[in-house]
Amino acid sequence: MTVIIHPHARERTRERGATEKEVILTVEEGEKFPAKYGRIGFRRNFSFDGQWRGKVYRTKQIEAYTVLEQGKWIVITVIVRYF
């Protein structure tokens, strides 16, 4: 499966503390769910055991919102949650 990260999503990925590799793994192996506007979301939890913005968290959850075009998943934005 081909996963392409749109420049907007790439910027959000960096701002929110994820890596492009994590985003790709989320699309390839994560839980798939319907999202607004006919988009498809993918969700996956990663072990984190680190610090984000002054707090320590054990888990990082990534949600990648995508569209399917010509057999390729285009990631349009990324949400990252820490807990």
PDB file of N, CA and C in Angstrom:
ATOM      1  N   MET A   1       0.849  -1.175   0.000  1.00  0.00           N
ATOM      2  CA  MET A   1       0.000   0.000   0.000  1.00  0.00           C
ATOM      3  C   MET A   1       0.896   1.241   0.000  1.00  0.00           C
ATOM      4  N   THR A   2       0.543   2.198  -0.800  1.00  0.00           N
ATOM      5  CA  THR A   2       1.307   3.439  -0.880  1.00  0.00           C
ATOM      6  C   THR A   2       0.657   4.499  -0.002  1.00  0.00           C
ATOM      7  N   VAL A   3       1.468   5.142   0.824  1.00  0.00           N
ATOM      8  CA  VAL A   3       1.003   6.212   1.706  1.00  0.00           C
ATOM      9  C   VAL A   3       1.785   7.469   1.357  1.00  0.00           C
ATOM     10  N   ILE A   4       1.060   8.535   1.041  1.00  0.00           N
ATOM     11  CA  ILE A   4       1.683   9.823   0.725  1.00  0.00           C
ATOM     12  C   ILE A   4       1.251  10.827   1.794  1.00  0.00           C
ATOM     13  N   ILE A   5       2.200  11.551   2.336  1.00  0.00           N
ATOM     14  CA  ILE A   5       1.905  12.539   3.374  1.00  0.00           C
ATOM     15  C   ILE A   5       1.893  13.924   2.723  1.00  0.00           C
ATOM     16  N   HIS A   6       0.725  14.544   2.735  1.00  0.00           N
ATOM     17  CA  HIS A   6       0.548  15.899   2.191  1.00  0.00           C
ATOM     18  C   HIS A   6       1.410  16.878   3.001  1.00  0.00           C
ATOM     19  N   PRO A   7       1.917  17.943   2.385  1.00  0.00           N
ATOM     20  CA  PRO A   7       2.753  18.908   3.125  1.00  0.00           C
ATOM     21  C   PRO A   7       2.091  19.456   4.398  1.00  0.00           C
ATOM     22  N   HIS A   8       0.778  19.696   4.359  1.00  0.00           N
ATOM     23  CA  HIS A   8       0.070  20.160   5.560  1.00  0.00           C
ATOM     24  C   HIS A   8       0.192  19.118   6.671  1.00  0.00           C
ATOM     25  N   ALA A   9      -0.036  17.867   6.342  1.00  0.00           N
ATOM     26  CA  ALA A   9       0.052  16.786   7.331  1.00  0.00           C
ATOM     27  C   ALA A   9       1.481  16.621   7.828  1.00  0.00           C
ATOM     28  N   ARG A  10       2.452  16.787   6.963  1.00  0.00           N
ATOM     29  CA  ARG A  10       3.861  16.683   7.360  1.00  0.00           C
ATOM     30  C   ARG A  10       4.190  17.744   8.418  1.00  0.00           C
ATOM     31  N   GLU A  11       3.693  18.956   8.201  1.00  0.00           N
ATOM     32  CA  GLU A  11       3.928  20.038   9.157  1.00  0.00           C
ATOM     33  C   GLU A  11       3.238  19.746  10.492  1.00  0.00           C
ATOM     34  N   ARG A  12       1.980  19.282  10.453  1.00  0.00           N
ATOM     35  CA  ARG A  12       1.251  18.943  11.679  1.00  0.00           C
ATOM     36  C   ARG A  12       1.944  17.797  12.421  1.00  0.00           C
ATOM     37  N   THR A  13       2.490  16.841  11.668  1.00  0.00           N
ATOM     38  CA  THR A  13       3.197  15.709  12.261  1.00  0.00           C
ATOM     39  C   THR A  13       4.350  16.210  13.128  1.00  0.00           C
ATOM     40  N   ARG A  14       5.157  17.094  12.579  1.00  0.00           N
ATOM     41  CA  ARG A  14       6.306  17.641  13.324  1.00  0.00           C
ATOM     42  C   ARG A  14       5.849  18.467  14.525  1.00  0.00           C
ATOM     43  N   GLU A  15       4.861  19.352  14.307  1.00  0.00           N
ATOM     44  CA  GLU A  15       4.373  20.225  15.380  1.00  0.00           C
ATOM     45  C   GLU A  15       3.831  19.442  16.564  1.00  0.00           C
ATOM     46  N   ARG A  16       3.248  18.290  16.283  1.00  0.00           N
ATOM     47  CA  ARG A  16       2.536  17.535  17.311  1.00  0.00           C
ATOM     48  C   ARG A  16       3.348  16.374  17.884  1.00  0.00           C
ATOM     49  N   GLY A  17       4.608  16.268  17.489  1.00  0.00           N
ATOM     50  CA  GLY A  17       5.511  15.327  18.130  1.00  0.00           C
ATOM     51  C   GLY A  17       5.525  13.909  17.582  1.00  0.00           C
ATOM     52  N   ALA A  18       5.023  13.714  16.387  1.00  0.00           N
ATOM     53  CA  ALA A  18       5.052  12.386  15.767  1.00  0.00           C
ATOM     54  C   ALA A  18       6.150  12.355  14.702  1.00  0.00           C
ATOM     55  N   THR A  19       6.391  11.165  14.162  1.00  0.00           N
ATOM     56  CA  THR A  19       7.333  11.023  13.055  1.00  0.00           C
ATOM     57  C   THR A  19       6.559  10.554  11.821  1.00  0.00           C
ATOM     58  N   GLU A  20       7.148  10.762  10.667  1.00  0.00           N
ATOM     59  CA  GLU A  20       6.509  10.303   9.434  1.00  0.00           C
ATOM     60  C   GLU A  20       6.393   8.782   9.427  1.00  0.00           C
ATOM     61  N   LYS A  21       7.378   8.104   9.992  1.00  0.00           N
ATOM     62  CA  LYS A  21       7.327   6.643  10.068  1.00  0.00           C
ATOM     63  C   LYS A  21       6.131   6.186  10.896  1.00  0.00           C
ATOM     64  N   GLU A  22       5.869   6.863  12.019  1.00  0.00           N
ATOM     65  CA  GLU A  22       4.712   6.521  12.850  1.00  0.00           C
ATOM     66  C   GLU A  22       3.406   6.754  12.097  1.00  0.00           C
ATOM     67  N   VAL A  23       3.334   7.823  11.335  1.00  0.00           N
ATOM     68  CA  VAL A  23       2.125   8.113  10.559  1.00  0.00           C
ATOM     69  C   VAL A  23       1.893   7.016   9.517  1.00  0.00           C
ATOM     70  N   ILE A  24       2.936   6.627   8.831  1.00  0.00           N
ATOM     71  CA  ILE A  24       2.816   5.563   7.825  1.00  0.00           C
ATOM     72  C   ILE A  24       2.392   4.250   8.479  1.00  0.00           C
ATOM     73  N   LEU A  25       2.993   3.891   9.603  1.00  0.00           N
ATOM     74  CA  LEU A  25       2.597   2.673  10.321  1.00  0.00           C
ATOM     75  C   LEU A  25       1.141   2.744  10.781  1.00  0.00           C
ATOM     76  N   THR A  26       0.692   3.929  11.164  1.00  0.00           N
ATOM     77  CA  THR A  26      -0.695   4.106  11.580  1.00  0.00           C
ATOM     78  C   THR A  26      -1.644   3.777  10.434  1.00  0.00           C
ATOM     79  N   VAL A  27      -1.328   4.249   9.233  1.00  0.00           N
ATOM     80  CA  VAL A  27      -2.180   3.974   8.075  1.00  0.00           C
ATOM     81  C   VAL A  27      -2.085   2.496   7.683  1.00  0.00           C
ATOM     82  N   GLU A  28      -0.911   1.941   7.724  1.00  0.00           N
ATOM     83  CA  GLU A  28      -0.722   0.554   7.287  1.00  0.00           C
ATOM     84  C   GLU A  28      -1.275  -0.475   8.278  1.00  0.00           C
ATOM     85  N   GLU A  29      -1.174  -0.182   9.577  1.00  0.00           N
ATOM     86  CA  GLU A  29      -1.497  -1.197  10.578  1.00  0.00           C
ATOM     87  C   GLU A  29      -2.535  -0.777  11.607  1.00  0.00           C
ATOM     88  N   GLY A  30      -2.985   0.475  11.560  1.00  0.00           N
ATOM     89  CA  GLY A  30      -3.890   0.981  12.586  1.00  0.00           C
ATOM     90  C   GLY A  30      -5.340   0.602  12.369  1.00  0.00           C
ATOM     91  N   GLU A  31      -6.144   0.958  13.354  1.00  0.00           N
ATOM     92  CA  GLU A  31      -7.594   0.763  13.300  1.00  0.00           C
ATOM     93  C   GLU A  31      -8.190   1.768  12.308  1.00  0.00           C
ATOM     94  N   LYS A  32      -9.012   1.297  11.419  1.00  0.00           N
ATOM     95  CA  LYS A  32      -9.625   2.134  10.387  1.00  0.00           C
ATOM     96  C   LYS A  32     -11.021   2.551  10.855  1.00  0.00           C
ATOM     97  N   PHE A  33     -11.388   3.825  10.642  1.00  0.00           N
ATOM     98  CA  PHE A  33     -12.718   4.294  11.036  1.00  0.00           C
ATOM     99  C   PHE A  33     -13.192   5.391  10.085  1.00  0.00           C
ATOM    100  N   PRO A  34     -14.515   5.521   9.917  1.00  0.00           N
ATOM    101  CA  PRO A  34     -15.037   6.578   9.047  1.00  0.00           C
ATOM    102  C   PRO A  34     -14.866   7.942   9.702  1.00  0.00           C
ATOM    103  N   ALA A  35     -14.595   8.949   8.890  1.00  0.00           N
ATOM    104  CA  ALA A  35     -14.415  10.310   9.388  1.00  0.00           C
ATOM    105  C   ALA A  35     -15.327  11.254   8.601  1.00  0.00           C
ATOM    106  N   LYS A  36     -15.379  12.498   9.017  1.00  0.00           N
ATOM    107  CA  LYS A  36     -16.218  13.502   8.350  1.00  0.00           C
ATOM    108  C   LYS A  36     -15.810  13.697   6.893  1.00  0.00           C
ATOM    109  N   TYR A  37     -16.758  14.163   6.122  1.00  0.00           N
ATOM    110  CA  TYR A  37     -16.544  14.554   4.724  1.00  0.00           C
ATOM    111  C   TYR A  37     -16.084  13.401   3.842  1.00  0.00           C
ATOM    112  N   GLY A  38     -16.483  12.172   4.202  1.00  0.00           N
ATOM    113  CA  GLY A  38     -16.147  11.012   3.391  1.00  0.00           C
ATOM    114  C   GLY A  38     -14.702  10.554   3.515  1.00  0.00           C
ATOM    115  N   ARG A  39     -14.012  11.054   4.495  1.00  0.00           N
ATOM    116  CA  ARG A  39     -12.615  10.659   4.692  1.00  0.00           C
ATOM    117  C   ARG A  39     -12.537   9.407   5.543  1.00  0.00           C
ATOM    118  N   ILE A  40     -11.360   8.815   5.575  1.00  0.00           N
ATOM    119  CA  ILE A  40     -11.099   7.636   6.382  1.00  0.00           C
ATOM    120  C   ILE A  40     -10.002   7.978   7.388  1.00  0.00           C
ATOM    121  N   GLY A  41     -10.250   7.636   8.637  1.00  0.00           N
ATOM    122  CA  GLY A  41      -9.253   7.846   9.679  1.00  0.00           C
ATOM    123  C   GLY A  41      -8.602   6.528  10.057  1.00  0.00           C
ATOM    124  N   PHE A  42      -7.377   6.631  10.512  1.00  0.00           N
ATOM    125  CA  PHE A  42      -6.644   5.481  11.037  1.00  0.00           C
ATOM    126  C   PHE A  42      -6.095   5.882  12.402  1.00  0.00           C
ATOM    127  N   ARG A  43      -6.160   4.952  13.358  1.00  0.00           N
ATOM    128  CA  ARG A  43      -5.719   5.249  14.722  1.00  0.00           C
ATOM    129  C   ARG A  43      -4.799   4.127  15.206  1.00  0.00           C
ATOM    130  N   ARG A  44      -3.728   4.526  15.884  1.00  0.00           N
ATOM    131  CA  ARG A  44      -2.818   3.527  16.448  1.00  0.00           C
ATOM    132  C   ARG A  44      -2.129   4.114  17.672  1.00  0.00           C
ATOM    133  N   ASN A  45      -1.950   3.277  18.696  1.00  0.00           N
ATOM    134  CA  ASN A  45      -1.219   3.664  19.906  1.00  0.00           C
ATOM    135  C   ASN A  45       0.226   3.182  19.805  1.00  0.00           C
ATOM    136  N   PHE A  46       1.131   4.023  20.279  1.00  0.00           N
ATOM    137  CA  PHE A  46       2.551   3.699  20.323  1.00  0.00           C
ATOM    138  C   PHE A  46       3.043   3.853  21.754  1.00  0.00           C
ATOM    139  N   SER A  47       3.950   2.991  22.189  1.00  0.00           N
ATOM    140  CA  SER A  47       4.615   3.190  23.478  1.00  0.00           C
ATOM    141  C   SER A  47       5.447   4.456  23.371  1.00  0.00           C
ATOM    142  N   PHE A  48       5.361   5.293  24.371  1.00  0.00           N
ATOM    143  CA  PHE A  48       6.076   6.564  24.317  1.00  0.00           C
ATOM    144  C   PHE A  48       7.068   6.675  25.461  1.00  0.00           C
ATOM    145  N   ASP A  49       6.599   6.531  26.691  1.00  0.00           N
ATOM    146  CA  ASP A  49       7.455   6.618  27.879  1.00  0.00           C
ATOM    147  C   ASP A  49       8.431   7.787  27.778  1.00  0.00           C
ATOM    148  N   GLY A  50       7.882   8.960  27.503  1.00  0.00           N
ATOM    149  CA  GLY A  50       8.722  10.142  27.347  1.00  0.00           C
ATOM    150  C   GLY A  50       8.011  11.394  27.814  1.00  0.00           C
ATOM    151  N   GLN A  51       8.662  12.508  27.554  1.00  0.00           N
ATOM    152  CA  GLN A  51       8.144  13.790  27.989  1.00  0.00           C
ATOM    153  C   GLN A  51       7.672  14.589  26.787  1.00  0.00           C
ATOM    154  N   TRP A  52       6.493  15.191  26.930  1.00  0.00           N
ATOM    155  CA  TRP A  52       5.950  16.074  25.901  1.00  0.00           C
ATOM    156  C   TRP A  52       5.419  17.310  26.596  1.00  0.00           C
ATOM    157  N   ARG A  53       5.969  18.457  26.251  1.00  0.00           N
ATOM    158  CA  ARG A  53       5.567  19.741  26.819  1.00  0.00           C
ATOM    159  C   ARG A  53       5.544  19.738  28.352  1.00  0.00           C
ATOM    160  N   GLY A  54       6.613  19.200  28.919  1.00  0.00           N
ATOM    161  CA  GLY A  54       6.808  19.260  30.356  1.00  0.00           C
ATOM    162  C   GLY A  54       6.135  18.177  31.176  1.00  0.00           C
ATOM    163  N   LYS A  55       5.398  17.275  30.531  1.00  0.00           N
ATOM    164  CA  LYS A  55       4.744  16.185  31.255  1.00  0.00           C
ATOM    165  C   LYS A  55       5.214  14.847  30.702  1.00  0.00           C
ATOM    166  N   VAL A  56       5.228  13.850  31.572  1.00  0.00           N
ATOM    167  CA  VAL A  56       5.651  12.510  31.166  1.00  0.00           C
ATOM    168  C   VAL A  56       4.414  11.685  30.804  1.00  0.00           C
ATOM    169  N   TYR A  57       4.491  11.007  29.673  1.00  0.00           N
ATOM    170  CA  TYR A  57       3.390  10.167  29.191  1.00  0.00           C
ATOM    171  C   TYR A  57       3.931   8.796  28.804  1.00  0.00           C
ATOM    172  N   ARG A  58       3.085   7.789  28.922  1.00  0.00           N
ATOM    173  CA  ARG A  58       3.465   6.419  28.569  1.00  0.00           C
ATOM    174  C   ARG A  58       3.058   6.054  27.146  1.00  0.00           C
ATOM    175  N   THR A  59       2.004   6.698  26.642  1.00  0.00           N
ATOM    176  CA  THR A  59       1.440   6.310  25.348  1.00  0.00           C
ATOM    177  C   THR A  59       1.237   7.527  24.460  1.00  0.00           C
ATOM    178  N   LYS A  60       1.500   7.330  23.182  1.00  0.00           N
ATOM    179  CA  LYS A  60       1.233   8.345  22.159  1.00  0.00           C
ATOM    180  C   LYS A  60       0.244   7.724  21.175  1.00  0.00           C
ATOM    181  N   GLN A  61      -0.890   8.392  20.962  1.00  0.00           N
ATOM    182  CA  GLN A  61      -1.885   7.915  20.006  1.00  0.00           C
ATOM    183  C   GLN A  61      -1.877   8.828  18.795  1.00  0.00           C
ATOM    184  N   ILE A  62      -1.794   8.212  17.625  1.00  0.00           N
ATOM    185  CA  ILE A  62      -1.784   8.978  16.381  1.00  0.00           C
ATOM    186  C   ILE A  62      -3.049   8.670  15.605  1.00  0.00           C
ATOM    187  N   GLU A  63      -3.699   9.728  15.118  1.00  0.00           N
ATOM    188  CA  GLU A  63      -4.815   9.600  14.196  1.00  0.00           C
ATOM    189  C   GLU A  63      -4.405  10.273  12.902  1.00  0.00           C
ATOM    190  N   ALA A  64      -4.490   9.528  11.818  1.00  0.00           N
ATOM    191  CA  ALA A  64      -4.168  10.056  10.488  1.00  0.00           C
ATOM    192  C   ALA A  64      -5.461  10.090   9.685  1.00  0.00           C
ATOM    193  N   TYR A  65      -5.815  11.243   9.158  1.00  0.00           N
ATOM    194  CA  TYR A  65      -7.020  11.396   8.351  1.00  0.00           C
ATOM    195  C   TYR A  65      -6.612  11.416   6.878  1.00  0.00           C
ATOM    196  N   THR A  66      -7.280  10.562   6.097  1.00  0.00           N
ATOM    197  CA  THR A  66      -6.825  10.301   4.736  1.00  0.00           C
ATOM    198  C   THR A  66      -7.959  10.366   3.715  1.00  0.00           C
ATOM    199  N   VAL A  67      -7.542  10.418   2.455  1.00  0.00           N
ATOM    200  CA  VAL A  67      -8.423  10.178   1.318  1.00  0.00           C
ATOM    201  C   VAL A  67      -7.722   9.142   0.440  1.00  0.00           C
ATOM    202  N   LEU A  68      -8.508   8.335  -0.226  1.00  0.00           N
ATOM    203  CA  LEU A  68      -7.956   7.324  -1.128  1.00  0.00           C
ATOM    204  C   LEU A  68      -8.084   7.841  -2.556  1.00  0.00           C
ATOM    205  N   GLU A  69      -6.956   8.030  -3.219  1.00  0.00           N
ATOM    206  CA  GLU A  69      -6.938   8.521  -4.603  1.00  0.00           C
ATOM    207  C   GLU A  69      -6.041   7.625  -5.440  1.00  0.00           C
ATOM    208  N   GLN A  70      -6.614   7.059  -6.486  1.00  0.00           N
ATOM    209  CA  GLN A  70      -5.877   6.205  -7.428  1.00  0.00           C
ATOM    210  C   GLN A  70      -5.084   5.117  -6.704  1.00  0.00           C
ATOM    211  N   GLY A  71      -5.727   4.497  -5.710  1.00  0.00           N
ATOM    212  CA  GLY A  71      -5.095   3.401  -4.992  1.00  0.00           C
ATOM    213  C   GLY A  71      -4.028   3.812  -3.999  1.00  0.00           C
ATOM    214  N   LYS A  72      -3.910   5.108  -3.708  1.00  0.00           N
ATOM    215  CA  LYS A  72      -2.913   5.609  -2.758  1.00  0.00           C
ATOM    216  C   LYS A  72      -3.621   6.335  -1.625  1.00  0.00           C
ATOM    217  N   TRP A  73      -3.163   6.093  -0.403  1.00  0.00           N
ATOM    218  CA  TRP A  73      -3.687   6.818   0.747  1.00  0.00           C
ATOM    219  C   TRP A  73      -2.948   8.149   0.856  1.00  0.00           C
ATOM    220  N   ILE A  74      -3.678   9.242   0.812  1.00  0.00           N
ATOM    221  CA  ILE A  74      -3.109  10.580   0.976  1.00  0.00           C
ATOM    222  C   ILE A  74      -3.468  11.044   2.385  1.00  0.00           C
ATOM    223  N   VAL A  75      -2.450  11.230   3.230  1.00  0.00           N
ATOM    224  CA  VAL A  75      -2.682  11.711   4.597  1.00  0.00           C
ATOM    225  C   VAL A  75      -2.819  13.222   4.527  1.00  0.00           C
ATOM    226  N   ILE A  76      -3.991  13.727   4.977  1.00  0.00           N
ATOM    227  CA  ILE A  76      -4.241  15.162   4.866  1.00  0.00           C
ATOM    228  C   ILE A  76      -4.031  15.919   6.174  1.00  0.00           C
ATOM    229  N   THR A  77      -4.178  15.227   7.306  1.00  0.00           N
ATOM    230  CA  THR A  77      -3.832  15.840   8.587  1.00  0.00           C
ATOM    231  C   THR A  77      -3.585  14.753   9.620  1.00  0.00           C
ATOM    232  N   VAL A  78      -2.933  15.151  10.701  1.00  0.00           N
ATOM    233  CA  VAL A  78      -2.537  14.217  11.753  1.00  0.00           C
ATOM    234  C   VAL A  78      -2.857  14.827  13.108  1.00  0.00           C
ATOM    235  N   ILE A  79      -3.446  14.022  13.979  1.00  0.00           N
ATOM    236  CA  ILE A  79      -3.729  14.414  15.362  1.00  0.00           C
ATOM    237  C   ILE A  79      -2.912  13.483  16.263  1.00  0.00           C
ATOM    238  N   VAL A  80      -2.288  14.057  17.303  1.00  0.00           N
ATOM    239  CA  VAL A  80      -1.496  13.245  18.240  1.00  0.00           C
ATOM    240  C   VAL A  80      -2.018  13.533  19.651  1.00  0.00           C
ATOM    241  N   ARG A  81      -2.280  12.456  20.389  1.00  0.00           N
ATOM    242  CA  ARG A  81      -2.709  12.561  21.782  1.00  0.00           C
ATOM    243  C   ARG A  81      -1.707  11.815  22.659  1.00  0.00           C
ATOM    244  N   TYR A  82      -1.487  12.357  23.828  1.00  0.00           N
ATOM    245  CA  TYR A  82      -0.579  11.731  24.790  1.00  0.00           C
ATOM    246  C   TYR A  82      -1.361  11.375  26.037  1.00  0.00           C
ATOM    247  N   PHE A  83      -1.129  10.195  26.563  1.00  0.00           N
ATOM    248  CA  PHE A  83      -1.766   9.812  27.822  1.00  0.00           C
ATOM    249  C   PHE A  83      -0.951   8.750  28.528  1.00  0.00           C
TER     250      PHE A  83
END
